[in-house]
Structure formats: structure tokens, C-alpha cells
């Protein structure tokens, strides 16, 4: 099994609307779960795919709250958080919520607030990974929302069963995504993305547009457990990394595909780092 224990938890700073978050402001959030977020890695004080993160936050806010912070406000709060770090490399999580809290009807004029947490940088596990397959469909999968016990629950159960993490299969028998990862496959000539309801991650979107620029064939396809035997490689990706090799998915063993992993990393690194 791969060591998954290098996830950063310490040395964190938290700001709310561009200022240090007080315990009074954070206290109610410990008991709330109606919010959405985006996660990214800052390198040399810059990020990849900032436009995608802004689009994600804007669309999710409109869907959940009927209003959204301006891009200028979001970038201002992010820039303020960057000033709290003495180093240029770190992880950053942005969470947006309404002061109205949970269990409130739509249509209120409660303002939106933005939390920004910085923590040590992460590049994810080394792999290769073995993923258990569980039948699960996330609620509103197109939004990166908080309060999902299932992601941690199934990851822990997978470890108990001798795997590293869990991948999800829907009620139609289609693989969709993994606990905190997007799945991606290789057929020997092109990149294959699962066709199912899922969250399209920002790293996935970055890789997709760079693969298109490079002229690499890619497509969406319904992938079942039975169809795994025809594939030539698999990986997972998220904000930590564009590619961690997957060598086992449930009962199926997958071949090593170093060229595929290199392609995914190269595509991601082709995306320029930009200032916030």
C-alpha cells in the first residue's frame, strides 16, 4: 500500500474576508455544512488555472446562494492570504458560505463570506495506488461542496480492505471519480475520461485544455469494471498532482504506463503559473 499520511494539517493560517479569522467568526462554522470551496497549490507565489478557480467559485455561489462575490473581491482576499506566508510554496483552500447559515430558505440578502486557509505544500502520494470500488453517487457532484462524510468514510473502509483509497461506481455501473480525485485512463493512443456524473476538477480542466493544445486525442467514455481490462493505464489527479499511477481498481489489475504519467505531468506543467 502507498503511504497516504503526508496530507498537511499543521502550520495553517486562516483569514475571513481578507483579515485574520477570529474564533467568534469561525465558531458557527464548526456546526455548519452548507458551503463550497476550491483548493489549489501555490508555487513561487503563483498558481495555475486561476480562471478555472474563479469560474468554479462563481458558478457554485450562484447555484447555492443565488449570488456571488466578484472576481475582484475573491482575488483581493487571496492576495491578502498570500501576504501571511514567508514562503512562496504552499497549499491554499478557499471556502465560500452565507452568513444566513443552514436550513434557511432562498431569497434572503445575507452576505457571502470567504475563508482562505493556507498550509504546507503537498504533491500527493507517490503511488502506485490500489483503489477499492464502491457503489456511490455524490449529491450535486458538479459542485465542490463541504460536509461530505462519504469521501473519508469510503477511503477509511478501503484501507481496512487492503486498498489505498476508494473509487466510485454509479447505479448504471459506470466509474465516475475517486474519493478526492478525478480518474483518468489511457488506451495506448489517447486519454480516456469517465463519462458519468462527477466533479470536473480544475486540474482535470487544465490537463484537458493543454492536451487539446498539444493535439493529444482524448474522449469521454462510459467505463465499467469489465471494460478496465482493455485499458493500458490509469491515474488519479487533484489539486496536489496531475497524475498518481493506479495499478489496481477493485478486482482489475492495470499495467504500468510511465509514458502516460509523463504526458499528464507535461500537460499540466504546460499551463503557465500566473500571479493572483
Protein backbone atom coordinates (compact mmCIF):
# COMPACT_ATOMS: atom_id res chain seq x y z
CA UNK A 1 0.00 0.00 0.00
CA UNK A 2 1.04 3.59 -0.60
CA UNK A 3 1.60 5.88 2.38
CA UNK A 4 -1.27 8.40 2.36
CA UNK A 5 -0.26 10.04 5.64
CA UNK A 6 1.57 13.04 4.16
CA UNK A 7 -1.56 15.18 3.95
CA UNK A 8 -0.83 18.58 5.50
CA UNK A 9 -2.72 19.56 8.65
CA UNK A 10 -0.40 21.86 10.57
CA UNK A 11 1.12 25.31 10.12
CA UNK A 12 -2.16 26.67 8.82
CA UNK A 13 -3.31 30.29 8.70
CA UNK A 14 -6.95 31.28 8.23
CA UNK A 15 -8.37 34.57 7.02
CA UNK A 16 -12.00 35.68 6.65
CA UNK A 17 -12.72 38.33 4.05
CA UNK A 18 -9.07 39.31 3.90
CA UNK A 19 -8.45 39.58 7.66
CA UNK A 20 -7.36 37.08 10.34
CA UNK A 21 -10.33 34.92 11.27
CA UNK A 22 -11.49 35.23 14.87
CA UNK A 23 -12.84 32.40 16.99
CA UNK A 24 -16.19 34.19 17.07
CA UNK A 25 -16.35 34.13 13.26
CA UNK A 26 -15.20 30.52 12.96
CA UNK A 27 -17.25 29.06 15.80
CA UNK A 28 -20.60 28.79 13.99
CA UNK A 29 -18.90 27.14 11.01
CA UNK A 30 -17.85 24.18 13.16
CA UNK A 31 -21.50 23.15 13.18
CA UNK A 32 -22.41 24.06 9.59
CA UNK A 33 -22.07 22.27 6.29
CA UNK A 34 -23.63 24.44 3.57
CA UNK A 35 -20.68 25.91 1.72
CA UNK A 36 -18.44 25.28 -1.27
CA UNK A 37 -14.72 25.53 -1.84
CA UNK A 38 -11.79 25.23 -4.18
CA UNK A 39 -8.28 24.00 -3.43
CA UNK A 40 -5.06 24.88 -5.19
CA UNK A 41 -1.32 24.71 -4.87
CA UNK A 42 0.68 27.95 -4.85
CA UNK A 43 4.17 27.75 -6.30
CA UNK A 44 6.62 30.65 -6.30
CA UNK A 45 3.71 32.79 -5.15
CA UNK A 46 1.73 31.95 -8.30
CA UNK A 47 -0.99 29.49 -9.34
CA UNK A 48 -2.13 27.54 -12.37
CA UNK A 49 -5.65 27.82 -13.75
CA UNK A 50 -6.75 30.85 -11.75
CA UNK A 51 -9.52 31.48 -14.29
CA UNK A 52 -10.89 27.99 -13.63
CA UNK A 53 -10.94 28.51 -9.87
CA UNK A 54 -12.76 31.82 -10.28
CA UNK A 55 -15.29 30.21 -12.61
CA UNK A 56 -15.85 27.37 -10.14
CA UNK A 57 -16.43 29.70 -7.19
CA UNK A 58 -18.74 31.98 -9.16
CA UNK A 59 -20.87 29.18 -10.61
CA UNK A 60 -21.16 27.33 -7.29
CA UNK A 61 -22.16 30.50 -5.42
CA UNK A 62 -24.89 31.29 -7.93
CA UNK A 63 -26.18 27.71 -7.70
CA UNK A 64 -26.13 27.54 -3.89
CA UNK A 65 -26.87 31.13 -2.86
CA UNK A 66 -28.26 32.93 -5.92
CA UNK A 67 -25.46 35.49 -5.77
CA UNK A 68 -21.66 35.53 -5.92
CA UNK A 69 -18.65 37.52 -4.82
CA UNK A 70 -16.97 39.46 -7.58
CA UNK A 71 -13.77 38.07 -9.06
CA UNK A 72 -12.03 41.21 -7.82
CA UNK A 73 -13.12 40.53 -4.24
CA UNK A 74 -12.02 36.89 -4.44
CA UNK A 75 -8.61 37.82 -5.79
CA UNK A 76 -8.23 40.54 -3.17
CA UNK A 77 -8.88 38.05 -0.35
CA UNK A 78 -6.48 35.56 -1.90
CA UNK A 79 -3.77 38.20 -2.25
CA UNK A 80 -4.21 39.10 1.41
CA UNK A 81 -3.72 35.46 2.40
CA UNK A 82 -0.55 35.24 0.34
CA UNK A 83 0.95 38.02 2.44
CA UNK A 84 0.71 35.82 5.54
CA UNK A 85 3.27 33.39 4.13
CA UNK A 86 7.03 33.85 4.18
CA UNK A 87 7.48 31.12 1.59
CA UNK A 88 6.22 31.00 -1.99
CA UNK A 89 5.10 27.37 -1.99
CA UNK A 90 2.01 26.29 -0.05
CA UNK A 91 -1.48 24.83 -0.28
CA UNK A 92 -4.49 27.11 -0.31
CA UNK A 93 -8.18 26.36 0.27
CA UNK A 94 -10.91 28.91 -0.36
CA UNK A 95 -14.37 28.35 1.16
CA UNK A 96 -17.43 30.49 0.49
CA UNK A 97 -20.50 30.47 2.73
CA UNK A 98 -23.52 32.63 3.59
CA UNK A 99 -23.99 34.31 6.96
CA UNK A 100 -27.60 33.05 6.84
CA UNK A 101 -26.28 29.59 7.69
CA UNK A 102 -28.01 26.29 7.05
CA UNK A 103 -31.71 25.44 6.87
CA UNK A 104 -32.66 28.87 5.55
CA UNK A 105 -34.87 29.50 2.52
CA UNK A 106 -33.54 31.11 -0.64
CA UNK A 107 -34.07 34.77 -1.35
CA UNK A 108 -32.52 36.30 1.76
CA UNK A 109 -30.00 39.11 1.44
CA UNK A 110 -27.41 37.64 3.80
CA UNK A 111 -23.89 38.47 2.62
CA UNK A 112 -21.40 35.88 1.44
CA UNK A 113 -18.11 35.41 3.26
CA UNK A 114 -14.86 33.85 2.14
CA UNK A 115 -12.42 31.85 4.24
CA UNK A 116 -8.88 31.27 2.99
CA UNK A 117 -6.68 28.69 4.65
CA UNK A 118 -3.01 28.29 3.83
CA UNK A 119 -0.97 25.24 4.84
CA UNK A 120 2.24 23.48 3.81
CA UNK A 121 2.52 22.49 0.13
CA UNK A 122 1.62 18.98 -0.98
CA UNK A 123 2.36 16.92 -4.07
CA UNK A 124 0.25 13.91 -3.06
CA UNK A 125 1.25 10.27 -2.58
CA UNK A 126 3.91 8.68 -4.76
CA UNK A 127 1.82 5.70 -5.84
CA UNK A 128 1.12 3.38 -7.41
CA UNK A 129 -2.30 3.16 -5.78
CA UNK A 130 -4.82 0.39 -5.32
CA UNK A 131 -8.42 1.65 -5.29
CA UNK A 132 -11.39 -0.20 -3.90
CA UNK A 133 -14.60 0.20 -5.93
CA UNK A 134 -17.74 1.20 -4.06
CA UNK A 135 -21.23 1.97 -5.28
CA UNK A 136 -21.79 5.63 -4.50
CA UNK A 137 -23.12 8.75 -6.23
CA UNK A 138 -22.32 12.12 -4.67
CA UNK A 139 -25.14 14.61 -4.13
CA UNK A 140 -24.82 17.56 -6.54
CA UNK A 141 -21.49 16.18 -7.84
CA UNK A 142 -20.81 19.14 -10.13
CA UNK A 143 -20.26 21.40 -7.08
CA UNK A 144 -17.23 21.06 -4.81
CA UNK A 145 -19.20 21.37 -1.57
CA UNK A 146 -18.30 20.69 2.05
CA UNK A 147 -19.70 18.25 4.57
CA UNK A 148 -19.24 15.02 2.62
CA UNK A 149 -18.69 12.25 5.14
CA UNK A 150 -18.69 9.62 2.38
CA UNK A 151 -15.33 10.65 0.92
CA UNK A 152 -13.49 9.99 4.17
CA UNK A 153 -15.75 7.10 5.17
CA UNK A 154 -15.07 5.12 1.99
CA UNK A 155 -11.36 5.99 2.00
CA UNK A 156 -11.02 4.58 5.51
CA UNK A 157 -13.06 1.49 4.66
CA UNK A 158 -10.88 0.95 1.59
CA UNK A 159 -7.76 0.95 3.75
CA UNK A 160 -9.39 -1.59 6.06
CA UNK A 161 -9.91 -3.79 2.98
CA UNK A 162 -6.26 -3.57 1.93
CA UNK A 163 -6.54 -0.70 -0.58
CA UNK A 164 -5.17 2.84 -0.54
CA UNK A 165 -8.37 4.69 -1.36
CA UNK A 166 -11.79 4.30 -2.96
CA UNK A 167 -13.22 4.87 -6.43
CA UNK A 168 -16.94 5.33 -7.06
CA UNK A 169 -19.21 3.46 -9.42
CA UNK A 170 -22.75 4.70 -10.10
CA UNK A 171 -26.04 2.83 -10.28
CA UNK A 172 -25.51 2.31 -14.01
CA UNK A 173 -22.23 0.50 -13.36
CA UNK A 174 -20.06 3.39 -14.59
CA UNK A 175 -16.88 4.51 -12.88
CA UNK A 176 -17.10 8.24 -12.12
CA UNK A 177 -14.44 9.55 -9.75
CA UNK A 178 -12.48 8.65 -6.63
CA UNK A 179 -12.83 9.97 -3.08
CA UNK A 180 -10.96 13.26 -3.63
CA UNK A 181 -9.65 12.54 -7.12
CA UNK A 182 -10.61 12.58 -10.76
CA UNK A 183 -9.97 9.33 -12.61
CA UNK A 184 -8.21 9.26 -15.99
CA UNK A 185 -7.29 6.35 -18.27
CA UNK A 186 -5.03 5.53 -21.22
CA UNK A 187 -5.97 3.30 -24.15
CA UNK A 188 -2.48 3.22 -25.63
CA UNK A 189 -3.10 6.09 -28.05
CA UNK A 190 -5.27 8.62 -26.27
CA UNK A 191 -6.63 9.82 -22.94
CA UNK A 192 -9.99 8.49 -21.76
CA UNK A 193 -12.12 10.34 -19.20
CA UNK A 194 -15.02 8.63 -17.40
CA UNK A 195 -18.46 9.51 -18.73
CA UNK A 196 -20.65 9.85 -15.64
CA UNK A 197 -21.88 12.49 -13.23
CA UNK A 198 -18.86 13.83 -11.35
CA UNK A 199 -16.95 16.91 -10.32
CA UNK A 200 -14.75 18.22 -13.09
CA UNK A 201 -11.67 19.25 -11.13
CA UNK A 202 -9.61 22.29 -12.01
CA UNK A 203 -6.53 20.10 -12.54
CA UNK A 204 -8.59 17.94 -14.88
CA UNK A 205 -9.69 21.04 -16.80
CA UNK A 206 -6.12 22.30 -17.00
CA UNK A 207 -4.89 18.96 -18.32
CA UNK A 208 -7.76 18.74 -20.81
CA UNK A 209 -7.10 22.12 -22.39
CA UNK A 210 -3.36 21.55 -22.54
CA UNK A 211 -3.81 18.09 -24.10
CA UNK A 212 -6.02 19.75 -26.72
CA UNK A 213 -3.34 22.34 -27.37
CA UNK A 214 -0.75 19.57 -27.75
CA UNK A 215 -3.00 17.65 -30.15
CA UNK A 216 -3.32 14.59 -27.90
CA UNK A 217 -6.51 12.56 -28.57
CA UNK A 218 -8.94 12.49 -25.66
CA UNK A 219 -12.54 11.45 -25.20
CA UNK A 220 -15.24 10.70 -22.62
CA UNK A 221 -16.38 7.09 -22.42
CA UNK A 222 -18.51 5.00 -20.09
CA UNK A 223 -16.04 2.83 -18.18
CA UNK A 224 -17.22 -0.27 -16.33
CA UNK A 225 -15.35 -2.84 -14.30
CA UNK A 226 -15.44 -5.21 -17.26
CA UNK A 227 -14.02 -2.65 -19.68
CA UNK A 228 -10.97 -1.98 -17.50
CA UNK A 229 -9.14 -4.96 -18.99
CA UNK A 230 -8.98 -3.18 -22.37
CA UNK A 231 -7.22 -0.11 -20.96
CA UNK A 232 -3.45 0.39 -20.87
CA UNK A 233 -3.07 2.59 -17.81
CA UNK A 234 -4.86 4.61 -15.15
CA UNK A 235 -4.18 7.51 -12.83
CA UNK A 236 -5.83 9.90 -10.41
CA UNK A 237 -5.41 13.66 -10.19
CA UNK A 238 -6.42 16.54 -7.97
CA UNK A 239 -5.02 19.89 -6.83
CA UNK A 240 -1.98 18.11 -5.40
CA UNK A 241 -0.83 16.47 -8.61
CA UNK A 242 -1.87 15.81 -12.22
CA UNK A 243 -1.01 12.12 -12.05
CA UNK A 244 -0.60 9.36 -9.49
CA UNK A 245 -0.50 5.94 -11.08
CA UNK A 246 -3.28 3.45 -10.30
CA UNK A 247 -2.29 -0.19 -10.70
CA UNK A 248 -5.39 -1.82 -9.22
CA UNK A 249 -9.06 -0.91 -9.42
CA UNK A 250 -11.22 -3.32 -7.46
CA UNK A 251 -10.62 -6.77 -8.97
CA UNK A 252 -8.78 -5.43 -12.02
CA UNK A 253 -5.02 -5.05 -12.30
CA UNK A 254 -3.81 -2.34 -14.67
CA UNK A 255 -0.45 -2.15 -16.45
CA UNK A 256 2.16 0.44 -15.62
CA UNK A 257 2.13 3.32 -18.09
CA UNK A 258 5.07 5.65 -17.41
CA UNK A 259 4.64 7.47 -20.74
CA UNK A 260 1.03 8.21 -19.84
CA UNK A 261 2.02 9.64 -16.45
CA UNK A 262 4.73 11.74 -18.07
CA UNK A 263 2.20 13.04 -20.59
CA UNK A 264 -0.20 14.14 -17.86
CA UNK A 265 2.56 15.87 -15.91
CA UNK A 266 3.87 17.58 -19.04
CA UNK A 267 0.40 18.80 -19.99
CA UNK A 268 -0.18 20.22 -16.53
CA UNK A 269 3.21 21.90 -16.40
CA UNK A 270 2.50 23.50 -19.79
CA UNK A 271 -0.11 25.61 -18.02
CA UNK A 272 1.69 28.81 -17.01
CA UNK A 273 1.97 29.93 -13.41
CA UNK A 274 0.27 33.30 -13.03
CA UNK A 275 0.05 35.85 -10.24
CA UNK A 276 -3.22 36.14 -8.36
